[in-house]
Amino acid sequence: MKILITGGAGYIGSHVVKALAEAGYEVLIYDNLSTGNKWSVLYGELIVADLSDKETLKKTIVKFKPDAIMHFAASIVVPESVRLPLKYYRNNTINTLNLLDVMLQCEVKKLIFSSTAAVYGMPEAIPVDENAPMNPINPYGASKMMTEMILRDMHLADNDFNYVSLRYFNVAGADKDCRIGQAYKESTHLITRALKTAKGQFEKLQIFGTDYPTPDGTCIRDYIHVDDIADAHILALKYLLDKGKSEVFNCGYGHGYSVREVVDTSKKVTGIDFKVEETGRREGDPPILIADNTKIKQGLNWEPKYDDLEYIIKTAWKWENSYPEKYS
């Protein structure tokens, strides 16, 4: 089976490329390298191009003849999406329309879509399941919601077009063999920022809000190891190729850790008592965001292997201490 992966040089995309290739799939990566890296593509050929370039995209698909496409290419920084909404609607929504248009022209009708828990906004019920209303509170979440709505309508118009949308919660960690990991220039992820603070790259780590209605007053999030996310994509692909119908699945462990727990575990793993500053809440942060993962466990027989905060942080710490020397 041939799989085209857009955004396959990025953090999550590169881990899925690795998992696909090691499972025996033939892969082709399509990435503009705006946030991805050539060194993160461990398998397959890399086509450096943008989804706005429909001519190159069509030539690529016609030549490769993929059985399915996995779509990761997106802008993903929430605060930036608030400052630059047009960038997010252009890249995440319009460029996805370009991809879908070319897919239909080339008769490719199977897609795995990289979505997000940000489509839920501030959910009323926790854990949140896939039937919860989509009510995003920022342009990033809204741009992903729009794509999900487009995919739904495409399936309704053509039952042969099928997709799986995977809504990620907080993805973290790195390849256990330290070949690839998170390498964003300006990462906003709590675990990554904590580890960079431990390394001395930041003077301090800020905790935004200590008065939430949670046991220790800080926000609680569902953290999932990137290799478990990759496994979920393999299962979703098998489901789709086996004449599976369009579906949406949450990708999370079904329980969470508070900001303080993440900070304490990061200090334990690194052995460094880095500086932490408590400050006020950020606008739009839900107190608790945890996935109801019943559907993906039952529908795809997904069984996560790395549900351990300390393991997640250990792999991320190992990566943080290796990649600058390897790839700077």
Protein backbone atom coordinates (compact mmCIF):
# COMPACT_ATOMS: atom_id res chain seq x y z
CA MET A 1 0.00 0.00 0.00
CA LYS A 2 1.17 3.51 -0.88
CA ILE A 3 0.52 6.37 1.54
CA LEU A 4 1.10 10.08 0.87
CA ILE A 5 1.75 12.08 4.04
CA THR A 6 1.36 15.85 3.98
CA GLY A 7 3.32 17.53 6.76
CA GLY A 8 5.32 14.34 7.20
CA ALA A 9 8.49 16.23 8.17
CA GLY A 10 6.84 17.71 11.26
CA TYR A 11 6.73 16.39 14.82
CA ILE A 12 3.73 14.07 14.71
CA GLY A 13 3.88 13.46 10.97
CA SER A 14 7.47 12.20 11.11
CA HIS A 15 6.61 9.70 13.85
CA VAL A 16 3.70 8.42 11.75
CA VAL A 17 5.98 8.15 8.68
CA LYS A 18 8.36 6.06 10.79
CA ALA A 19 5.54 3.81 12.00
CA LEU A 20 4.08 3.38 8.50
CA ALA A 21 7.41 2.48 6.89
CA GLU A 22 8.32 0.06 9.65
CA ALA A 23 4.89 -1.58 9.21
CA GLY A 24 5.65 -2.17 5.52
CA TYR A 25 3.84 0.71 3.81
CA GLU A 26 5.43 2.68 0.97
CA VAL A 27 5.49 6.34 1.96
CA LEU A 28 5.91 9.67 0.18
CA ILE A 29 6.20 12.89 2.18
CA TYR A 30 4.88 16.25 0.98
CA ASP A 31 6.03 19.15 3.19
CA ASN A 32 6.96 22.81 2.73
CA LEU A 33 9.41 22.62 5.68
CA SER A 34 7.94 25.75 7.28
CA THR A 35 8.07 23.97 10.64
CA GLY A 36 9.29 20.51 9.59
CA ASN A 37 12.86 19.33 9.07
CA LYS A 38 14.52 17.23 6.36
CA TRP A 39 16.40 15.19 8.98
CA SER A 40 13.14 14.08 10.59
CA VAL A 41 12.11 12.13 7.47
CA LEU A 42 13.57 8.71 8.26
CA TYR A 43 11.91 6.87 5.37
CA GLY A 44 10.57 7.60 1.91
CA GLU A 45 11.09 10.44 -0.53
CA LEU A 46 10.48 14.05 0.51
CA ILE A 47 8.75 16.44 -1.90
CA VAL A 48 9.39 20.00 -0.72
CA ALA A 49 6.31 21.93 -1.83
CA ASP A 50 3.28 23.76 -0.47
CA LEU A 51 -0.34 22.68 -0.61
CA SER A 52 -1.12 26.02 -2.25
CA ASP A 53 0.83 24.71 -5.28
CA LYS A 54 -1.96 22.60 -6.76
CA GLU A 55 -0.01 21.85 -9.93
CA THR A 56 2.88 20.22 -8.03
CA LEU A 57 0.44 18.51 -5.71
CA LYS A 58 -1.50 17.00 -8.60
CA LYS A 59 1.66 15.86 -10.39
CA THR A 60 2.83 14.24 -7.15
CA ILE A 61 -0.43 12.35 -6.60
CA VAL A 62 -0.74 11.28 -10.25
CA LYS A 63 2.80 9.91 -10.26
CA PHE A 64 2.71 8.21 -6.82
CA LYS A 65 -0.87 6.87 -7.03
CA PRO A 66 -1.47 6.67 -3.26
CA ASP A 67 -4.06 4.31 -1.80
CA ALA A 68 -4.74 6.86 0.95
CA ILE A 69 -3.51 10.23 2.18
CA MET A 70 -2.67 11.30 5.72
CA HIS A 71 -2.98 15.04 6.22
CA PHE A 72 -0.84 16.64 8.95
CA ALA A 73 0.21 19.88 7.24
CA ALA A 74 -1.14 22.71 9.39
CA SER A 75 -0.27 25.70 11.54
CA ILE A 76 -0.85 24.73 15.17
CA VAL A 77 0.14 27.50 17.64
CA VAL A 78 -3.01 28.72 19.40
CA PRO A 79 -1.77 32.19 20.51
CA GLU A 80 -0.42 32.84 17.02
CA SER A 81 -3.79 31.88 15.54
CA VAL A 82 -5.42 34.62 17.63
CA ARG A 83 -2.90 37.20 16.36
CA LEU A 84 -2.85 35.96 12.75
CA PRO A 85 -6.22 34.37 12.03
CA LEU A 86 -5.95 34.67 8.25
CA LYS A 87 -2.73 32.63 8.27
CA TYR A 88 -4.60 29.79 10.00
CA TYR A 89 -7.68 29.88 7.77
CA ARG A 90 -5.46 30.10 4.69
CA ASN A 91 -3.11 27.28 5.67
CA ASN A 92 -5.42 24.99 7.60
CA THR A 93 -8.69 25.44 5.71
CA ILE A 94 -7.98 26.76 2.21
CA ASN A 95 -4.92 24.55 1.68
CA THR A 96 -6.94 21.55 2.85
CA LEU A 97 -9.56 22.45 0.24
CA ASN A 98 -6.77 22.42 -2.35
CA LEU A 99 -5.75 18.95 -1.21
CA LEU A 100 -9.32 17.64 -1.29
CA ASP A 101 -9.95 19.15 -4.72
CA VAL A 102 -6.88 17.42 -6.15
CA MET A 103 -7.75 14.15 -4.40
CA LEU A 104 -11.14 14.10 -6.12
CA GLN A 105 -9.59 14.95 -9.48
CA CYS A 106 -7.21 12.00 -9.02
CA GLU A 107 -9.85 9.61 -7.65
CA VAL A 108 -8.16 9.24 -4.24
CA LYS A 109 -10.98 8.86 -1.75
CA LYS A 110 -9.45 7.84 1.57
CA LEU A 111 -8.07 10.38 4.05
CA ILE A 112 -6.78 10.34 7.61
CA PHE A 113 -7.11 13.84 9.06
CA SER A 114 -5.01 15.24 11.88
CA SER A 115 -7.55 17.09 14.02
CA THR A 116 -7.50 18.39 17.58
CA ALA A 117 -9.36 18.56 20.88
CA ALA A 118 -9.36 22.33 20.32
CA VAL A 119 -12.53 21.82 18.26
CA TYR A 120 -14.38 21.28 21.56
CA GLY A 121 -13.48 24.67 23.04
CA MET A 122 -14.68 24.72 26.66
CA PRO A 123 -16.57 21.39 26.94
CA GLU A 124 -19.38 21.16 29.45
CA ALA A 125 -18.79 17.49 30.32
CA ILE A 126 -15.48 15.83 31.27
CA PRO A 127 -14.23 13.46 29.96
CA VAL A 128 -15.29 14.79 26.57
CA ASP A 129 -16.56 12.34 23.97
CA GLU A 130 -16.86 12.65 20.20
CA ASN A 131 -20.53 13.64 20.39
CA ALA A 132 -19.77 16.81 22.33
CA PRO A 133 -20.57 19.98 20.38
CA MET A 134 -17.74 21.54 18.42
CA ASN A 135 -17.42 25.05 19.83
CA PRO A 136 -13.82 26.23 19.29
CA ILE A 137 -12.64 29.39 21.02
CA ASN A 138 -9.71 30.29 18.76
CA PRO A 139 -8.97 30.39 15.01
CA TYR A 140 -6.77 27.27 15.24
CA GLY A 141 -9.64 25.16 16.58
CA ALA A 142 -12.10 26.83 14.21
CA SER A 143 -9.94 26.07 11.17
CA LYS A 144 -9.79 22.39 12.14
CA MET A 145 -13.54 22.31 12.80
CA MET A 146 -14.17 23.74 9.32
CA THR A 147 -12.15 20.93 7.76
CA GLU A 148 -14.11 18.33 9.71
CA MET A 149 -17.37 19.87 8.46
CA ILE A 150 -16.07 19.84 4.87
CA LEU A 151 -15.07 16.18 5.19
CA ARG A 152 -18.48 15.28 6.57
CA ASP A 153 -20.22 17.02 3.67
CA MET A 154 -17.92 15.37 1.12
CA HIS A 155 -18.82 11.96 2.49
CA LEU A 156 -22.52 12.81 2.38
CA ALA A 157 -22.15 13.87 -1.26
CA ASP A 158 -20.09 10.80 -2.19
CA ASN A 159 -20.31 7.69 -0.01
CA ASP A 160 -17.15 6.34 -1.65
CA PHE A 161 -15.19 9.19 -0.08
CA ASN A 162 -14.30 8.12 3.44
CA TYR A 163 -12.13 9.64 6.15
CA VAL A 164 -11.04 9.19 9.73
CA SER A 165 -10.58 12.32 11.79
CA LEU A 166 -8.34 11.86 14.84
CA ARG A 167 -8.77 14.50 17.53
CA TYR A 168 -5.51 14.72 19.47
CA PHE A 169 -5.27 15.84 23.04
CA ASN A 170 -1.78 16.83 24.33
CA VAL A 171 0.84 14.96 22.32
CA ALA A 172 4.29 14.72 23.91
CA GLY A 173 7.44 12.59 24.13
CA ALA A 174 9.79 11.38 21.42
CA ASP A 175 10.98 8.33 19.54
CA LYS A 176 12.44 5.93 22.11
CA ASP A 177 15.58 5.50 19.97
CA CYS A 178 16.04 9.29 19.92
CA ARG A 179 16.00 9.58 16.13
CA ILE A 180 13.23 12.18 15.97
CA GLY A 181 11.32 14.38 18.38
CA GLN A 182 9.78 17.80 18.87
CA ALA A 183 11.94 20.52 17.35
CA TYR A 184 9.76 23.61 17.04
CA LYS A 185 11.70 26.86 17.23
CA GLU A 186 9.13 28.46 19.55
CA SER A 187 7.41 25.58 21.31
CA THR A 188 4.48 26.45 23.57
CA HIS A 189 4.02 22.89 24.88
CA LEU A 190 4.28 22.66 28.68
CA ILE A 191 6.54 19.60 28.79
CA THR A 192 8.92 20.96 26.16
CA ARG A 193 9.12 24.36 27.84
CA ALA A 194 9.74 22.73 31.22
CA LEU A 195 12.62 20.71 29.80
CA LYS A 196 14.08 23.69 27.98
CA THR A 197 13.92 25.60 31.26
CA ALA A 198 15.77 22.75 32.95
CA LYS A 199 18.44 23.06 30.23
CA GLY A 200 18.75 26.78 30.88
CA GLN A 201 17.25 27.90 27.58
CA PHE A 202 14.54 29.77 29.48
CA GLU A 203 15.07 31.66 32.72
CA LYS A 204 11.86 30.36 34.26
CA LEU A 205 8.71 28.34 33.58
CA GLN A 206 5.42 30.12 34.10
CA ILE A 207 2.34 28.46 35.55
CA PHE A 208 -0.71 30.27 34.23
CA GLY A 209 -3.37 30.14 36.93
CA THR A 210 -3.34 28.41 40.32
CA ASP A 211 -6.98 28.99 41.30
CA TYR A 212 -8.77 26.55 39.01
CA PRO A 213 -11.37 24.13 40.47
CA THR A 214 -8.90 21.23 40.44
CA PRO A 215 -7.18 19.39 43.32
CA ASP A 216 -4.04 21.56 43.21
CA GLY A 217 -5.51 24.64 41.52
CA THR A 218 -3.75 24.19 38.16
CA CYS A 219 -5.16 23.02 34.82
CA ILE A 220 -5.36 19.31 34.06
CA ARG A 221 -4.62 17.90 30.62
CA ASP A 222 -4.60 14.49 28.95
CA TYR A 223 -1.01 13.85 27.76
CA ILE A 224 -0.40 11.12 25.15
CA HIS A 225 2.91 9.77 23.87
CA VAL A 226 3.58 10.48 20.20
CA ASP A 227 4.27 6.79 19.46
CA ASP A 228 0.79 5.88 20.72
CA ILE A 229 -0.62 8.54 18.39
CA ALA A 230 1.35 6.95 15.54
CA ASP A 231 -0.10 3.52 16.38
CA ALA A 232 -3.60 5.02 16.31
CA HIS A 233 -2.94 6.23 12.76
CA ILE A 234 -1.87 2.77 11.61
CA LEU A 235 -5.07 1.28 13.05
CA ALA A 236 -7.18 4.05 11.51
CA LEU A 237 -5.58 3.40 8.13
CA LYS A 238 -6.22 -0.33 8.32
CA TYR A 239 -9.82 0.39 9.27
CA LEU A 240 -10.26 2.76 6.35
CA LEU A 241 -8.58 0.50 3.78
CA ASP A 242 -10.79 -2.36 4.95
CA LYS A 243 -13.81 -0.47 3.58
CA GLY A 244 -14.36 1.35 6.86
CA LYS A 245 -16.82 4.22 6.81
CA SER A 246 -16.08 7.77 7.88
CA GLU A 247 -15.47 8.19 11.62
CA VAL A 248 -14.15 10.57 14.26
CA PHE A 249 -12.04 9.37 17.20
CA ASN A 250 -10.53 11.05 20.23
CA CYS A 251 -6.84 10.28 20.82
CA GLY A 252 -6.09 10.49 24.53
CA TYR A 253 -5.51 8.26 27.54
CA GLY A 254 -8.74 9.11 29.34
CA HIS A 255 -7.10 10.69 32.40
CA GLY A 256 -4.96 13.72 33.02
CA TYR A 257 -2.17 15.37 34.96
CA SER A 258 -2.10 18.86 36.42
CA VAL A 259 0.45 21.50 35.49
CA ARG A 260 2.06 21.08 38.91
CA GLU A 261 2.31 17.30 38.41
CA VAL A 262 4.01 17.83 35.04
CA VAL A 263 6.45 20.33 36.58
CA ASP A 264 7.25 18.03 39.52
CA THR A 265 7.77 15.03 37.22
CA SER A 266 9.98 17.10 34.92
CA LYS A 267 12.13 18.09 37.87
CA LYS A 268 12.32 14.46 38.97
CA VAL A 269 13.32 13.20 35.51
CA THR A 270 15.91 15.91 34.89
CA GLY A 271 17.23 16.13 38.45
CA ILE A 272 17.12 19.93 38.06
CA ASP A 273 15.13 22.23 40.36
CA PHE A 274 14.45 24.89 37.72
CA LYS A 275 12.73 28.18 38.50
CA VAL A 276 8.94 28.28 38.33
CA GLU A 277 6.82 31.43 38.45
CA GLU A 278 3.11 31.42 39.23
CA THR A 279 1.08 34.00 37.33
CA GLY A 280 -2.51 34.70 36.33
CA ARG A 281 -4.79 32.64 34.15
CA ARG A 282 -4.61 32.74 30.38
CA GLU A 283 -7.84 33.55 28.61
CA GLY A 284 -9.57 30.50 27.17
CA ASP A 285 -7.85 27.76 29.19
CA PRO A 286 -10.42 25.15 30.27
CA PRO A 287 -9.73 23.89 33.82
CA ILE A 288 -9.80 20.24 32.73
CA LEU A 289 -9.54 18.65 29.28
CA ILE A 290 -9.58 14.87 29.24
CA ALA A 291 -10.59 12.51 26.44
CA ASP A 292 -13.25 9.87 26.61
CA ASN A 293 -11.34 7.26 24.59
CA THR A 294 -13.97 4.52 24.70
CA LYS A 295 -14.78 4.86 21.00
CA ILE A 296 -11.22 4.48 19.65
CA LYS A 297 -10.53 1.52 21.95
CA GLN A 298 -13.67 -0.28 20.80
CA GLY A 299 -13.74 0.89 17.16
CA LEU A 300 -10.04 0.45 16.33
CA ASN A 301 -8.96 -1.95 19.11
CA TRP A 302 -6.40 0.69 20.13
CA GLU A 303 -4.43 -0.20 23.23
CA PRO A 304 -1.90 2.48 24.23
CA LYS A 305 1.55 1.23 25.26
CA TYR A 306 3.13 4.31 26.83
CA ASP A 307 0.52 5.63 29.27
CA ASP A 308 3.09 6.86 31.80
CA LEU A 309 3.90 10.53 32.38
CA GLU A 310 7.42 9.78 33.59
CA TYR A 311 8.18 7.70 30.49
CA ILE A 312 6.77 10.44 28.22
CA ILE A 313 9.00 13.05 29.86
CA LYS A 314 12.05 10.74 29.89
CA THR A 315 11.86 10.25 26.12
CA ALA A 316 11.37 13.99 25.60
CA TRP A 317 14.33 14.78 27.91
CA LYS A 318 16.57 12.31 26.11
CA TRP A 319 15.62 13.95 22.83
CA GLU A 320 16.14 17.50 24.16
CA ASN A 321 19.68 16.55 25.12
CA SER A 322 20.55 14.99 21.77
CA TYR A 323 18.97 16.80 18.86
CA PRO A 324 20.74 20.19 19.09
CA GLU A 325 24.12 18.48 18.88
CA LYS A 326 22.98 16.24 16.03
CA TYR A 327 21.18 18.76 13.89
CA SER A 328 22.23 22.30 14.77
